[in-house]
Amino acid sequence: MSNDVMQAALATWAARQLPARLDVAETSKLLGFAEHDVQILMAAGRLTPLGDPAPNAPKWFAAVEMIRLAADKDWLHKATKDISKYWRHKRERRQTSPPSSHFVHRRSVTLRIGKVSPKSSPEVSPNGHFGGNGEAMHSREQVFEKSA
């Protein structure tokens, strides 16, 4: 980094009263991106967190470096293109994946749950009753006869 750029970055850093390390929310705000875009920029190699954090660890970024990147028009252009490309490919993957595969899964679950075996239907006995004990269900005519 040239001396003039470094001086400007330090002046901006001091004027904004930024800490030396920025978390993802502060970094995204300083660079003008959404918080979820920071992860995309890290995957694309545009941002490098401090240290060697584990994938599930909080990420920290150098404030001076983020100020320098925010002032770099070429970097902002490339980062914006990377994010646009990521979301475009994600939409294309969604549109090209067969939506019926998800429906088939739901349908197979429904069919599995709602499956009826041949023996689960009530059978009519010779005396007109449904089922085996004769008292559970009666034919429609017998119900009307009893109520009259």
Protein backbone atom coordinates (compact mmCIF):
# COMPACT_ATOMS: atom_id res chain seq x y z
CA MET A 1 0.00 0.00 0.00
CA SER A 2 1.40 3.39 -0.92
CA ASN A 3 2.10 5.97 1.77
CA ASP A 4 -0.69 8.32 0.60
CA VAL A 5 -3.28 5.55 0.57
CA MET A 6 -2.09 4.37 3.99
CA GLN A 7 -2.40 7.89 5.39
CA ALA A 8 -5.90 8.25 3.98
CA ALA A 9 -6.92 4.86 5.39
CA LEU A 10 -5.57 5.76 8.83
CA ALA A 11 -7.33 9.14 8.74
CA THR A 12 -10.62 7.47 7.81
CA TRP A 13 -10.12 4.82 10.48
CA ALA A 14 -9.49 7.48 13.12
CA ALA A 15 -12.40 9.66 11.97
CA ARG A 16 -14.86 6.77 12.16
CA GLN A 17 -13.49 5.63 15.53
CA LEU A 18 -13.26 2.06 14.27
CA PRO A 19 -11.63 -0.69 16.28
CA ALA A 20 -8.62 -2.44 14.77
CA ARG A 21 -10.66 -5.59 14.16
CA LEU A 22 -14.11 -5.61 12.56
CA ASP A 23 -16.67 -8.37 12.79
CA VAL A 24 -18.80 -9.47 9.83
CA ALA A 25 -21.57 -6.93 10.50
CA GLU A 26 -19.14 -4.00 10.73
CA THR A 27 -17.21 -5.21 7.69
CA SER A 28 -20.32 -5.55 5.57
CA LYS A 29 -21.52 -2.09 6.59
CA LEU A 30 -18.14 -0.51 5.83
CA LEU A 31 -17.88 -2.19 2.42
CA GLY A 32 -21.54 -1.63 1.50
CA PHE A 33 -22.54 -5.29 1.18
CA ALA A 34 -25.11 -7.39 3.00
CA GLU A 35 -23.88 -9.49 5.92
CA HIS A 36 -24.54 -12.75 4.07
CA ASP A 37 -22.43 -11.49 1.15
CA VAL A 38 -19.29 -11.44 3.32
CA GLN A 39 -19.29 -15.24 3.37
CA ILE A 40 -19.58 -15.29 -0.43
CA LEU A 41 -16.65 -12.86 -0.73
CA MET A 42 -14.55 -15.03 1.58
CA ALA A 43 -15.34 -18.12 -0.52
CA ALA A 44 -14.37 -16.21 -3.67
CA GLY A 45 -11.06 -15.19 -2.09
CA ARG A 46 -11.90 -11.47 -2.07
CA LEU A 47 -11.82 -11.21 1.74
CA THR A 48 -9.45 -12.92 4.13
CA PRO A 49 -10.25 -13.06 7.84
CA LEU A 50 -7.59 -12.45 10.45
CA GLY A 51 -5.85 -15.49 11.86
CA ASP A 52 -6.91 -18.93 10.76
CA PRO A 53 -10.45 -19.24 12.14
CA ALA A 54 -12.38 -22.49 12.15
CA PRO A 55 -15.33 -22.61 9.74
CA ASN A 56 -17.84 -22.09 12.56
CA ALA A 57 -15.77 -19.50 14.45
CA PRO A 58 -16.50 -15.76 14.36
CA LYS A 59 -14.57 -13.96 11.64
CA TRP A 60 -12.60 -10.75 12.21
CA PHE A 61 -11.14 -8.43 9.59
CA ALA A 62 -8.49 -5.69 9.75
CA ALA A 63 -10.18 -2.28 9.70
CA VAL A 64 -7.33 -0.66 7.80
CA GLU A 65 -7.54 -3.32 5.08
CA MET A 66 -11.34 -2.96 4.81
CA ILE A 67 -11.01 0.83 4.45
CA ARG A 68 -8.44 0.31 1.70
CA LEU A 69 -10.74 -2.14 -0.09
CA ALA A 70 -13.69 0.24 0.24
CA ALA A 71 -11.63 2.91 -1.52
CA ASP A 72 -10.54 0.52 -4.32
CA LYS A 73 -12.99 0.85 -7.22
CA ASP A 74 -11.58 -2.15 -9.09
CA TRP A 75 -11.92 -4.39 -6.03
CA LEU A 76 -15.50 -3.23 -5.46
CA HIS A 77 -16.31 -3.93 -9.11
CA LYS A 78 -14.89 -7.47 -8.96
CA ALA A 79 -16.53 -8.21 -5.59
CA THR A 80 -19.91 -7.02 -6.88
CA LYS A 81 -19.54 -9.20 -9.98
CA ASP A 82 -18.64 -12.22 -7.80
CA ILE A 83 -21.75 -11.75 -5.68
CA SER A 84 -23.96 -11.28 -8.73
CA LYS A 85 -22.50 -14.41 -10.31
CA TYR A 86 -23.08 -16.42 -7.12
CA TRP A 87 -26.76 -15.48 -6.91
CA ARG A 88 -27.30 -15.96 -10.66
CA HIS A 89 -25.85 -19.49 -10.49
CA LYS A 90 -27.92 -20.25 -7.42
CA ARG A 91 -31.12 -19.22 -9.24
CA GLU A 92 -30.11 -21.28 -12.28
CA ARG A 93 -29.45 -24.35 -10.11
CA ARG A 94 -32.92 -23.97 -8.59
CA GLN A 95 -34.59 -23.62 -11.98
CA THR A 96 -32.77 -26.55 -13.59
CA SER A 97 -33.33 -28.96 -10.70
CA PRO A 98 -36.50 -30.95 -11.32
CA PRO A 99 -39.20 -29.65 -9.01
CA SER A 100 -41.03 -32.96 -9.36
CA SER A 101 -38.36 -34.74 -7.28
CA HIS A 102 -39.45 -32.79 -4.22
CA PHE A 103 -43.11 -33.42 -5.06
CA VAL A 104 -42.49 -37.14 -5.55
CA HIS A 105 -40.93 -37.29 -2.11
CA ARG A 106 -43.97 -35.64 -0.54
CA ARG A 107 -46.28 -37.80 -2.58
CA SER A 108 -44.50 -41.02 -1.62
CA VAL A 109 -44.77 -40.06 2.04
CA THR A 110 -48.47 -39.37 1.59
CA LEU A 111 -48.98 -42.63 -0.22
CA ARG A 112 -47.02 -44.51 2.40
CA ILE A 113 -49.07 -43.01 5.23
CA GLY A 114 -52.41 -43.28 3.46
CA LYS A 115 -51.88 -46.80 2.13
CA VAL A 116 -54.90 -49.05 2.56
CA SER A 117 -54.59 -52.80 2.72
CA PRO A 118 -57.38 -54.97 1.28
CA LYS A 119 -58.26 -56.29 4.74
CA SER A 120 -58.63 -52.85 6.34
CA SER A 121 -61.98 -52.16 4.63
CA PRO A 122 -65.07 -53.26 6.53
CA GLU A 123 -66.78 -56.30 5.08
CA VAL A 124 -70.49 -56.81 4.99
CA SER A 125 -71.65 -59.93 6.80
CA PRO A 126 -74.54 -62.02 5.45
CA ASN A 127 -76.95 -60.39 7.94
CA GLY A 128 -76.21 -56.90 6.59
CA HIS A 129 -73.84 -55.80 9.34
CA PHE A 130 -70.39 -54.28 8.72
CA GLY A 131 -67.41 -55.70 10.57
CA GLY A 132 -66.99 -58.83 12.61
CA ASN A 133 -68.97 -58.33 15.83
CA GLY A 134 -72.28 -57.32 14.32
CA GLU A 135 -72.77 -54.40 16.71
CA ALA A 136 -70.23 -51.89 15.44
CA MET A 137 -71.98 -50.83 12.23
CA HIS A 138 -75.33 -51.54 10.71
CA SER A 139 -76.62 -51.13 7.21
CA ARG A 140 -78.46 -47.89 6.45
CA GLU A 141 -81.83 -49.67 6.22
CA GLN A 142 -81.46 -51.24 9.67
CA VAL A 143 -80.61 -47.88 11.26
CA PHE A 144 -83.73 -46.31 9.73
CA GLU A 145 -85.90 -49.28 10.79
CA LYS A 146 -84.71 -48.97 14.42
CA SER A 147 -85.31 -45.23 14.58
CA ALA A 148 -88.87 -45.46 13.14
